[in-house]
Each structure stands twice: as structure tokens, then as C-alpha cells.
N, C-alpha and C. Protein backbone atom coordinates (compact mmCIF):
# COMPACT_ATOMS: atom_id res chain seq x y z
N UNK A 1 14.75 17.83 -1.70
CA UNK A 1 13.62 17.36 -2.49
C UNK A 1 12.63 16.67 -1.56
N UNK A 2 11.37 16.86 -1.90
CA UNK A 2 10.31 16.25 -1.10
C UNK A 2 9.16 15.85 -2.00
N UNK A 3 8.51 14.78 -1.64
CA UNK A 3 7.27 14.41 -2.31
C UNK A 3 6.16 15.06 -1.49
N UNK A 4 5.34 15.84 -2.16
CA UNK A 4 4.26 16.54 -1.48
C UNK A 4 2.94 16.24 -2.15
N UNK A 5 1.92 16.13 -1.35
CA UNK A 5 0.56 15.96 -1.85
C UNK A 5 -0.17 17.25 -1.50
N UNK A 6 -0.77 17.88 -2.51
CA UNK A 6 -1.45 19.14 -2.29
C UNK A 6 -2.87 19.08 -2.84
N UNK A 7 -3.74 19.90 -2.26
CA UNK A 7 -5.09 20.07 -2.78
C UNK A 7 -5.16 21.48 -3.35
N UNK A 8 -5.61 21.59 -4.59
CA UNK A 8 -5.73 22.90 -5.23
C UNK A 8 -6.99 23.59 -4.74
N UNK A 9 -7.11 24.90 -5.01
CA UNK A 9 -8.33 25.61 -4.61
C UNK A 9 -9.60 24.99 -5.22
N UNK A 10 -9.46 24.31 -6.36
CA UNK A 10 -10.60 23.66 -7.01
C UNK A 10 -10.89 22.28 -6.42
N UNK A 11 -10.05 21.82 -5.51
CA UNK A 11 -10.26 20.54 -4.85
C UNK A 11 -9.55 19.37 -5.50
N UNK A 12 -8.74 19.62 -6.54
CA UNK A 12 -7.99 18.54 -7.18
C UNK A 12 -6.80 18.15 -6.31
N UNK A 13 -6.48 16.87 -6.33
CA UNK A 13 -5.37 16.33 -5.54
C UNK A 13 -4.20 16.06 -6.48
N UNK A 14 -3.03 16.58 -6.15
CA UNK A 14 -1.83 16.37 -6.96
C UNK A 14 -0.69 15.92 -6.07
N UNK A 15 0.15 15.07 -6.66
CA UNK A 15 1.38 14.67 -5.99
C UNK A 15 2.54 15.29 -6.76
N UNK A 16 3.44 15.93 -6.06
CA UNK A 16 4.58 16.59 -6.67
C UNK A 16 5.86 16.14 -5.99
N UNK A 17 6.92 16.13 -6.76
CA UNK A 17 8.25 16.02 -6.17
C UNK A 17 8.87 17.39 -6.41
N UNK A 18 9.09 18.11 -5.34
CA UNK A 18 9.54 19.50 -5.44
C UNK A 18 10.68 19.77 -4.47
N UNK A 19 11.44 20.81 -4.79
CA UNK A 19 12.43 21.31 -3.83
C UNK A 19 11.66 21.98 -2.71
N UNK A 20 12.12 21.83 -1.50
CA UNK A 20 11.38 22.39 -0.36
C UNK A 20 11.37 23.92 -0.38
N UNK A 21 12.24 24.54 -1.12
CA UNK A 21 12.35 26.00 -1.11
C UNK A 21 11.31 26.70 -1.95
N UNK A 22 11.77 27.37 -3.00
CA UNK A 22 10.92 28.28 -3.78
C UNK A 22 9.73 27.59 -4.45
N UNK A 23 9.91 26.42 -5.03
CA UNK A 23 8.81 25.74 -5.71
C UNK A 23 7.70 25.40 -4.73
N UNK A 24 8.08 24.95 -3.57
CA UNK A 24 7.10 24.59 -2.55
C UNK A 24 6.30 25.83 -2.12
N UNK A 25 6.99 26.94 -1.95
CA UNK A 25 6.31 28.18 -1.56
C UNK A 25 5.43 28.70 -2.70
N UNK A 26 5.86 28.48 -3.93
CA UNK A 26 5.06 28.90 -5.09
C UNK A 26 3.73 28.15 -5.11
N UNK A 27 3.74 26.88 -4.81
CA UNK A 27 2.50 26.10 -4.75
C UNK A 27 1.54 26.70 -3.72
N UNK A 28 2.07 27.10 -2.59
CA UNK A 28 1.24 27.73 -1.55
C UNK A 28 0.67 29.06 -2.03
N UNK A 29 1.48 29.84 -2.74
CA UNK A 29 0.99 31.13 -3.26
C UNK A 29 -0.15 30.94 -4.25
N UNK A 30 -0.15 29.84 -4.96
CA UNK A 30 -1.22 29.54 -5.92
C UNK A 30 -2.49 29.08 -5.21
N UNK A 31 -2.41 28.94 -3.90
CA UNK A 31 -3.59 28.53 -3.14
C UNK A 31 -3.66 27.04 -2.87
N UNK A 32 -2.59 26.33 -3.21
CA UNK A 32 -2.57 24.89 -2.95
C UNK A 32 -2.29 24.66 -1.47
N UNK A 33 -2.97 23.68 -0.92
CA UNK A 33 -2.81 23.38 0.50
C UNK A 33 -2.09 22.05 0.66
N UNK A 34 -0.85 22.06 1.16
CA UNK A 34 -0.14 20.79 1.38
C UNK A 34 -0.85 19.96 2.45
N UNK A 35 -1.08 18.69 2.16
CA UNK A 35 -1.69 17.83 3.17
C UNK A 35 -0.72 16.77 3.66
N UNK A 36 0.37 16.56 2.92
CA UNK A 36 1.35 15.56 3.33
C UNK A 36 2.64 15.83 2.59
N UNK A 37 3.76 15.73 3.26
CA UNK A 37 5.04 15.94 2.61
C UNK A 37 6.10 15.14 3.36
N UNK A 38 6.99 14.52 2.60
CA UNK A 38 8.11 13.83 3.23
C UNK A 38 9.26 13.76 2.24
N UNK A 39 10.44 13.59 2.78
CA UNK A 39 11.64 13.53 1.94
C UNK A 39 11.63 12.32 1.03
N UNK A 40 12.24 12.48 -0.13
CA UNK A 40 12.30 11.39 -1.10
C UNK A 40 13.11 10.23 -0.56
N UNK A 41 14.10 10.51 0.28
CA UNK A 41 14.92 9.44 0.82
C UNK A 41 14.09 8.41 1.58
N UNK A 42 12.87 8.76 1.96
CA UNK A 42 12.02 7.81 2.66
C UNK A 42 11.56 6.67 1.75
N UNK A 43 11.72 6.84 0.41
CA UNK A 43 11.38 5.75 -0.49
C UNK A 43 12.40 4.64 -0.40
N UNK A 44 13.59 4.97 0.04
CA UNK A 44 14.57 3.95 0.33
C UNK A 44 14.12 3.35 1.66
N UNK A 45 13.79 2.07 1.65
CA UNK A 45 13.22 1.45 2.84
C UNK A 45 14.20 1.39 3.99
N UNK A 46 15.45 1.75 3.72
CA UNK A 46 16.48 1.77 4.73
C UNK A 46 16.66 0.41 5.39
N UNK A 47 16.60 -0.62 4.56
CA UNK A 47 16.86 -1.96 5.06
C UNK A 47 18.37 -2.11 5.22
N UNK A 48 18.75 -2.86 6.22
CA UNK A 48 20.17 -3.19 6.34
C UNK A 48 20.49 -4.15 5.20
N UNK A 49 21.76 -4.33 4.93
CA UNK A 49 22.15 -5.24 3.86
C UNK A 49 21.63 -6.66 4.14
N UNK A 50 21.73 -7.10 5.39
CA UNK A 50 21.24 -8.43 5.75
C UNK A 50 19.73 -8.55 5.55
N UNK A 51 18.99 -7.51 5.95
CA UNK A 51 17.54 -7.53 5.77
C UNK A 51 17.18 -7.60 4.29
N UNK A 52 17.86 -6.79 3.49
CA UNK A 52 17.60 -6.77 2.06
C UNK A 52 17.86 -8.13 1.44
N UNK A 53 19.00 -8.72 1.76
CA UNK A 53 19.34 -10.03 1.21
C UNK A 53 18.37 -11.11 1.69
N UNK A 54 17.97 -11.05 2.95
CA UNK A 54 17.03 -12.04 3.48
C UNK A 54 15.68 -11.95 2.79
N UNK A 55 15.17 -10.74 2.58
CA UNK A 55 13.87 -10.57 1.92
C UNK A 55 13.96 -11.05 0.47
N UNK A 56 15.01 -10.67 -0.22
CA UNK A 56 15.15 -11.08 -1.63
C UNK A 56 15.28 -12.60 -1.73
N UNK A 57 16.10 -13.19 -0.88
CA UNK A 57 16.28 -14.65 -0.91
C UNK A 57 14.97 -15.35 -0.56
N UNK A 58 14.28 -14.86 0.46
CA UNK A 58 12.99 -15.46 0.85
C UNK A 58 12.00 -15.38 -0.30
N UNK A 59 11.99 -14.26 -0.98
CA UNK A 59 11.09 -14.08 -2.13
C UNK A 59 11.45 -15.07 -3.24
N UNK A 60 12.73 -15.13 -3.59
CA UNK A 60 13.16 -16.02 -4.67
C UNK A 60 12.93 -17.49 -4.35
N UNK A 61 13.02 -17.86 -3.09
CA UNK A 61 12.82 -19.25 -2.68
C UNK A 61 11.34 -19.61 -2.51
N UNK A 62 10.46 -18.63 -2.62
CA UNK A 62 9.03 -18.92 -2.54
C UNK A 62 8.42 -18.78 -1.16
N UNK A 63 9.14 -18.15 -0.25
CA UNK A 63 8.61 -17.97 1.10
C UNK A 63 7.36 -17.09 1.09
N UNK A 64 7.30 -16.13 0.19
CA UNK A 64 6.15 -15.23 0.11
C UNK A 64 5.11 -15.69 -0.90
N UNK A 65 5.32 -16.86 -1.50
CA UNK A 65 4.33 -17.41 -2.44
C UNK A 65 3.15 -17.95 -1.66
N UNK A 66 2.05 -18.13 -2.37
CA UNK A 66 0.88 -18.75 -1.74
C UNK A 66 0.45 -19.92 -2.60
N UNK A 67 0.53 -21.13 -2.13
CA UNK A 67 1.08 -21.53 -0.83
C UNK A 67 2.61 -21.40 -0.84
N UNK A 68 3.16 -21.36 0.35
CA UNK A 68 4.61 -21.22 0.48
C UNK A 68 5.31 -22.42 -0.12
N UNK A 69 6.42 -22.13 -0.81
CA UNK A 69 7.22 -23.22 -1.37
C UNK A 69 8.35 -23.62 -0.43
N UNK A 70 8.57 -22.82 0.61
CA UNK A 70 9.59 -23.13 1.61
C UNK A 70 9.14 -22.56 2.95
N UNK A 71 9.43 -23.29 4.00
CA UNK A 71 9.06 -22.83 5.34
C UNK A 71 10.15 -21.92 5.89
N UNK A 72 9.83 -21.25 6.97
CA UNK A 72 10.82 -20.40 7.64
C UNK A 72 11.99 -21.27 8.11
N UNK A 73 11.66 -22.45 8.61
CA UNK A 73 12.70 -23.37 9.10
C UNK A 73 13.61 -23.81 7.95
N UNK A 74 13.01 -24.14 6.80
CA UNK A 74 13.80 -24.54 5.63
C UNK A 74 14.67 -23.41 5.12
N UNK A 75 14.11 -22.22 5.12
CA UNK A 75 14.85 -21.04 4.67
C UNK A 75 16.02 -20.75 5.61
N UNK A 76 15.76 -20.82 6.90
CA UNK A 76 16.81 -20.58 7.90
C UNK A 76 17.94 -21.61 7.74
N UNK A 77 17.56 -22.85 7.50
CA UNK A 77 18.55 -23.91 7.32
C UNK A 77 19.44 -23.63 6.11
N UNK A 78 18.84 -23.23 5.00
CA UNK A 78 19.61 -22.93 3.79
C UNK A 78 20.57 -21.75 4.00
N UNK A 79 20.16 -20.80 4.83
CA UNK A 79 20.99 -19.62 5.08
C UNK A 79 21.97 -19.80 6.23
N UNK A 80 21.84 -20.91 6.96
CA UNK A 80 22.72 -21.15 8.09
C UNK A 80 22.42 -20.25 9.27
N UNK A 81 21.14 -19.87 9.41
CA UNK A 81 20.71 -19.01 10.52
C UNK A 81 19.74 -19.78 11.40
N UNK A 82 19.61 -19.34 12.64
CA UNK A 82 18.57 -19.93 13.49
C UNK A 82 17.22 -19.40 13.00
N UNK A 83 16.17 -20.14 13.28
CA UNK A 83 14.82 -19.74 12.88
C UNK A 83 14.47 -18.40 13.52
N UNK A 84 14.81 -18.23 14.80
CA UNK A 84 14.45 -16.98 15.48
C UNK A 84 15.20 -15.78 14.90
N UNK A 85 16.47 -15.97 14.52
CA UNK A 85 17.24 -14.88 13.91
C UNK A 85 16.64 -14.47 12.57
N UNK A 86 16.33 -15.46 11.73
CA UNK A 86 15.74 -15.15 10.43
C UNK A 86 14.36 -14.52 10.58
N UNK A 87 13.57 -15.04 11.52
CA UNK A 87 12.23 -14.48 11.74
C UNK A 87 12.33 -13.01 12.13
N UNK A 88 13.26 -12.68 13.02
CA UNK A 88 13.43 -11.29 13.43
C UNK A 88 13.92 -10.43 12.27
N UNK A 89 14.85 -10.95 11.50
CA UNK A 89 15.39 -10.23 10.35
C UNK A 89 14.28 -9.90 9.35
N UNK A 90 13.46 -10.89 9.04
CA UNK A 90 12.36 -10.68 8.09
C UNK A 90 11.29 -9.75 8.65
N UNK A 91 10.93 -9.94 9.92
CA UNK A 91 9.88 -9.10 10.52
C UNK A 91 10.29 -7.63 10.55
N UNK A 92 11.53 -7.37 10.90
CA UNK A 92 12.00 -5.97 10.93
C UNK A 92 12.00 -5.37 9.52
N UNK A 93 12.44 -6.16 8.54
CA UNK A 93 12.44 -5.68 7.15
C UNK A 93 11.02 -5.46 6.66
N UNK A 94 10.12 -6.41 6.95
CA UNK A 94 8.72 -6.29 6.52
C UNK A 94 8.07 -5.06 7.15
N UNK A 95 8.38 -4.79 8.40
CA UNK A 95 7.82 -3.62 9.08
C UNK A 95 8.26 -2.33 8.38
N UNK A 96 9.53 -2.26 7.97
CA UNK A 96 10.02 -1.07 7.27
C UNK A 96 9.35 -0.91 5.90
N UNK A 97 9.19 -2.03 5.20
CA UNK A 97 8.56 -1.99 3.88
C UNK A 97 7.10 -1.57 3.99
N UNK A 98 6.39 -2.14 4.94
CA UNK A 98 4.97 -1.79 5.14
C UNK A 98 4.84 -0.34 5.58
N UNK A 99 5.72 0.10 6.46
CA UNK A 99 5.69 1.50 6.90
C UNK A 99 5.85 2.45 5.71
N UNK A 100 6.79 2.16 4.81
CA UNK A 100 7.01 3.01 3.64
C UNK A 100 5.79 2.98 2.72
N UNK A 101 5.19 1.81 2.54
CA UNK A 101 4.00 1.69 1.70
C UNK A 101 2.84 2.50 2.27
N UNK A 102 2.60 2.36 3.56
CA UNK A 102 1.48 3.07 4.20
C UNK A 102 1.70 4.58 4.12
N UNK A 103 2.93 5.03 4.36
CA UNK A 103 3.20 6.47 4.26
C UNK A 103 2.96 6.98 2.84
N UNK A 104 3.21 6.14 1.85
CA UNK A 104 2.96 6.54 0.46
C UNK A 104 1.47 6.62 0.18
N UNK A 105 0.69 5.69 0.71
CA UNK A 105 -0.75 5.64 0.44
C UNK A 105 -1.58 6.50 1.39
N UNK A 106 -1.02 6.87 2.52
CA UNK A 106 -1.76 7.61 3.53
C UNK A 106 -2.43 8.89 3.03
N UNK A 107 -1.76 9.69 2.19
CA UNK A 107 -2.43 10.91 1.72
C UNK A 107 -3.75 10.62 1.01
N UNK A 108 -3.79 9.53 0.24
CA UNK A 108 -5.02 9.17 -0.47
C UNK A 108 -6.12 8.80 0.53
N UNK A 109 -5.74 8.09 1.57
CA UNK A 109 -6.69 7.72 2.61
C UNK A 109 -7.19 8.96 3.35
N UNK A 110 -6.27 9.91 3.63
CA UNK A 110 -6.64 11.14 4.33
C UNK A 110 -7.66 11.93 3.50
N UNK A 111 -7.42 12.02 2.21
CA UNK A 111 -8.36 12.72 1.34
C UNK A 111 -9.71 12.01 1.35
N UNK A 112 -9.68 10.69 1.32
CA UNK A 112 -10.92 9.92 1.41
C UNK A 112 -11.68 10.22 2.69
N UNK A 113 -10.94 10.30 3.79
CA UNK A 113 -11.58 10.63 5.08
C UNK A 113 -12.16 12.03 5.05
N UNK A 114 -11.43 12.97 4.41
CA UNK A 114 -11.92 14.35 4.32
C UNK A 114 -13.19 14.41 3.49
N UNK A 115 -13.23 13.63 2.42
CA UNK A 115 -14.39 13.65 1.53
C UNK A 115 -15.57 12.84 2.06
N UNK A 116 -15.27 11.69 2.65
CA UNK A 116 -16.33 10.76 3.04
C UNK A 116 -16.49 10.58 4.54
N UNK A 117 -15.64 11.21 5.34
CA UNK A 117 -15.74 11.09 6.79
C UNK A 117 -15.56 9.66 7.25
N UNK A 118 -16.33 9.27 8.25
CA UNK A 118 -16.22 7.92 8.80
C UNK A 118 -16.66 6.86 7.81
N UNK A 119 -17.37 7.26 6.76
CA UNK A 119 -17.75 6.29 5.73
C UNK A 119 -16.53 5.65 5.10
N UNK A 120 -15.39 6.38 5.05
CA UNK A 120 -14.18 5.84 4.45
C UNK A 120 -13.76 4.56 5.17
N UNK A 121 -13.79 4.57 6.50
CA UNK A 121 -13.45 3.37 7.26
C UNK A 121 -14.44 2.26 6.96
N UNK A 122 -15.71 2.60 6.89
CA UNK A 122 -16.73 1.60 6.58
C UNK A 122 -16.52 1.01 5.20
N UNK A 123 -16.13 1.85 4.24
CA UNK A 123 -15.88 1.37 2.88
C UNK A 123 -14.74 0.36 2.88
N UNK A 124 -13.65 0.68 3.59
CA UNK A 124 -12.51 -0.23 3.67
C UNK A 124 -12.93 -1.55 4.32
N UNK A 125 -13.63 -1.47 5.45
CA UNK A 125 -14.08 -2.68 6.14
C UNK A 125 -14.99 -3.51 5.25
N UNK A 126 -15.88 -2.84 4.54
CA UNK A 126 -16.82 -3.55 3.67
C UNK A 126 -16.08 -4.26 2.54
N UNK A 127 -15.12 -3.58 1.94
CA UNK A 127 -14.39 -4.17 0.82
C UNK A 127 -13.52 -5.34 1.24
N UNK A 128 -13.10 -5.34 2.50
CA UNK A 128 -12.26 -6.43 2.99
C UNK A 128 -13.08 -7.60 3.53
N UNK A 129 -14.36 -7.37 3.81
CA UNK A 129 -15.16 -8.42 4.44
C UNK A 129 -15.53 -9.51 3.44
N UNK A 130 -15.68 -10.72 3.95
CA UNK A 130 -16.07 -11.85 3.09
C UNK A 130 -17.50 -11.67 2.60
N UNK A 131 -18.35 -11.01 3.39
CA UNK A 131 -19.74 -10.79 2.99
C UNK A 131 -19.78 -9.98 1.70
N UNK A 132 -18.92 -8.98 1.59
CA UNK A 132 -18.88 -8.13 0.40
C UNK A 132 -18.51 -8.96 -0.82
N UNK A 133 -17.52 -9.86 -0.67
CA UNK A 133 -17.11 -10.68 -1.81
C UNK A 133 -18.23 -11.60 -2.24
N UNK A 134 -18.98 -12.15 -1.29
CA UNK A 134 -20.11 -13.02 -1.62
C UNK A 134 -21.19 -12.21 -2.33
N UNK A 135 -21.49 -11.00 -1.83
CA UNK A 135 -22.49 -10.15 -2.46
C UNK A 135 -22.06 -9.76 -3.87
N UNK A 136 -20.78 -9.49 -4.08
CA UNK A 136 -20.30 -9.14 -5.41
C UNK A 136 -20.47 -10.31 -6.36
N UNK A 137 -20.15 -11.53 -5.90
CA UNK A 137 -20.33 -12.71 -6.75
C UNK A 137 -21.79 -12.91 -7.07
N UNK A 138 -22.66 -12.73 -6.07
CA UNK A 138 -24.10 -12.90 -6.29
C UNK A 138 -24.60 -11.85 -7.27
N UNK A 139 -24.15 -10.64 -7.12
CA UNK A 139 -24.56 -9.56 -8.02
C UNK A 139 -24.13 -9.88 -9.44
N UNK A 140 -22.90 -10.33 -9.59
CA UNK A 140 -22.39 -10.67 -10.90
C UNK A 140 -23.18 -11.82 -11.50
N UNK A 141 -23.47 -12.83 -10.67
CA UNK A 141 -24.27 -13.96 -11.14
C UNK A 141 -25.65 -13.53 -11.58
N UNK A 142 -26.29 -12.66 -10.81
CA UNK A 142 -27.62 -12.17 -11.15
C UNK A 142 -27.57 -11.36 -12.44
N UNK A 143 -26.54 -10.57 -12.61
CA UNK A 143 -26.40 -9.78 -13.83
C UNK A 143 -26.22 -10.69 -15.04
N UNK A 144 -25.48 -11.76 -14.87
CA UNK A 144 -25.28 -12.71 -15.97
C UNK A 144 -26.60 -13.36 -16.36
N UNK A 145 -27.36 -13.79 -15.34
CA UNK A 145 -28.67 -14.41 -15.61
C UNK A 145 -29.60 -13.42 -16.30
N UNK A 146 -29.60 -12.18 -15.82
CA UNK A 146 -30.44 -11.14 -16.41
C UNK A 146 -30.08 -10.92 -17.87
N UNK A 147 -28.79 -10.85 -18.16
CA UNK A 147 -28.34 -10.64 -19.53
C UNK A 147 -28.71 -11.82 -20.42
N UNK A 148 -28.62 -13.04 -19.87
CA UNK A 148 -28.99 -14.23 -20.64
C UNK A 148 -30.48 -14.24 -20.95
N UNK A 149 -31.30 -13.86 -19.97
CA UNK A 149 -32.75 -13.79 -20.18
C UNK A 149 -33.10 -12.73 -21.22
N UNK A 150 -32.43 -11.59 -21.15
CA UNK A 150 -32.69 -10.50 -22.10
C UNK A 150 -32.29 -10.92 -23.51
N UNK A 151 -31.20 -11.66 -23.64
CA UNK A 151 -30.75 -12.11 -24.95
C UNK A 151 -31.69 -13.16 -25.54
N UNK A 152 -32.26 -13.99 -24.67
CA UNK A 152 -33.18 -15.04 -25.12
C UNK A 152 -34.53 -14.45 -25.55
N UNK A 153 -34.90 -13.31 -25.00
CA UNK A 153 -36.22 -12.71 -25.31
C UNK A 153 -36.27 -12.04 -26.65
């Protein structure tokens, strides 16, 4: 079994979970073009038992909260681990989780690049920039004022 992302001849994007054999070939015969495919087992982040337990415990204790409810040092102390051991355990687990997430989202980004070219990168940068958030707030504020003026008239 594999999760595949295909583009149809009409340009529609679909995600399928298909057997790699006949169903996959049938999609190709229909004119669908696979742009990304990987085994379903990749959804299992393949964390070691220790990594899994460390991430879950860190989450439950508020390590990933904002603001943090426990420090790395406090977490390590509760688990009876050195700070460096816990830091490495969490970093390796986080890297696997992020890798799986990016691989899942990558086909959507690739399609965006195909449709918008280098503008896709600019769009991402713009949406992440603080200037964009300020402009969005200003736009929203201006729209509110405009609506208030129109209602008063």
C-alpha cells in the first residue's frame, strides 16, 4: 500500500491510498500523473519507545506549552535523566515527527510551486513575516472603520 498524490489530465490534485500494483497502474492509464508516492508505514514516525514516551511525557507536563510549564532541566530531573540525554532524545524524536509532517505536506507545496513558480516561496515568506501580520491587522481595522462609516451614513 502506498499513499500517492496524482494530478489528473484536467489538473485536479488527488491523494489516494492504493496498492502499488494494478490500481496504481490503472491511475496511470487514466492519464493521472503521480507526483509523489510513499509507503503508508512512513506515517508511523518510527520513534523508539523511549522517544515516544519522552515526547508524550514532555507534552503532558507542559514542555511544549507556550509559555512552558516545565523546563528541560525540570523534565530531565523528573525522569531521572541528564539534561543532555533528554535533549538528544527529544531532538531526535522531533526531527522524525517534523520529517513525517513535511513529507506529508510536500506534495501540496510542489503543486504550489508548479502553479505559482517562485511566487510560492514569496507567498510563504510573506505569510510568515511580521510585516504581513501588521498589514492584515491594518486592513482589518480599515475595513471595520469603513463598515462603521457606511452604517452611520
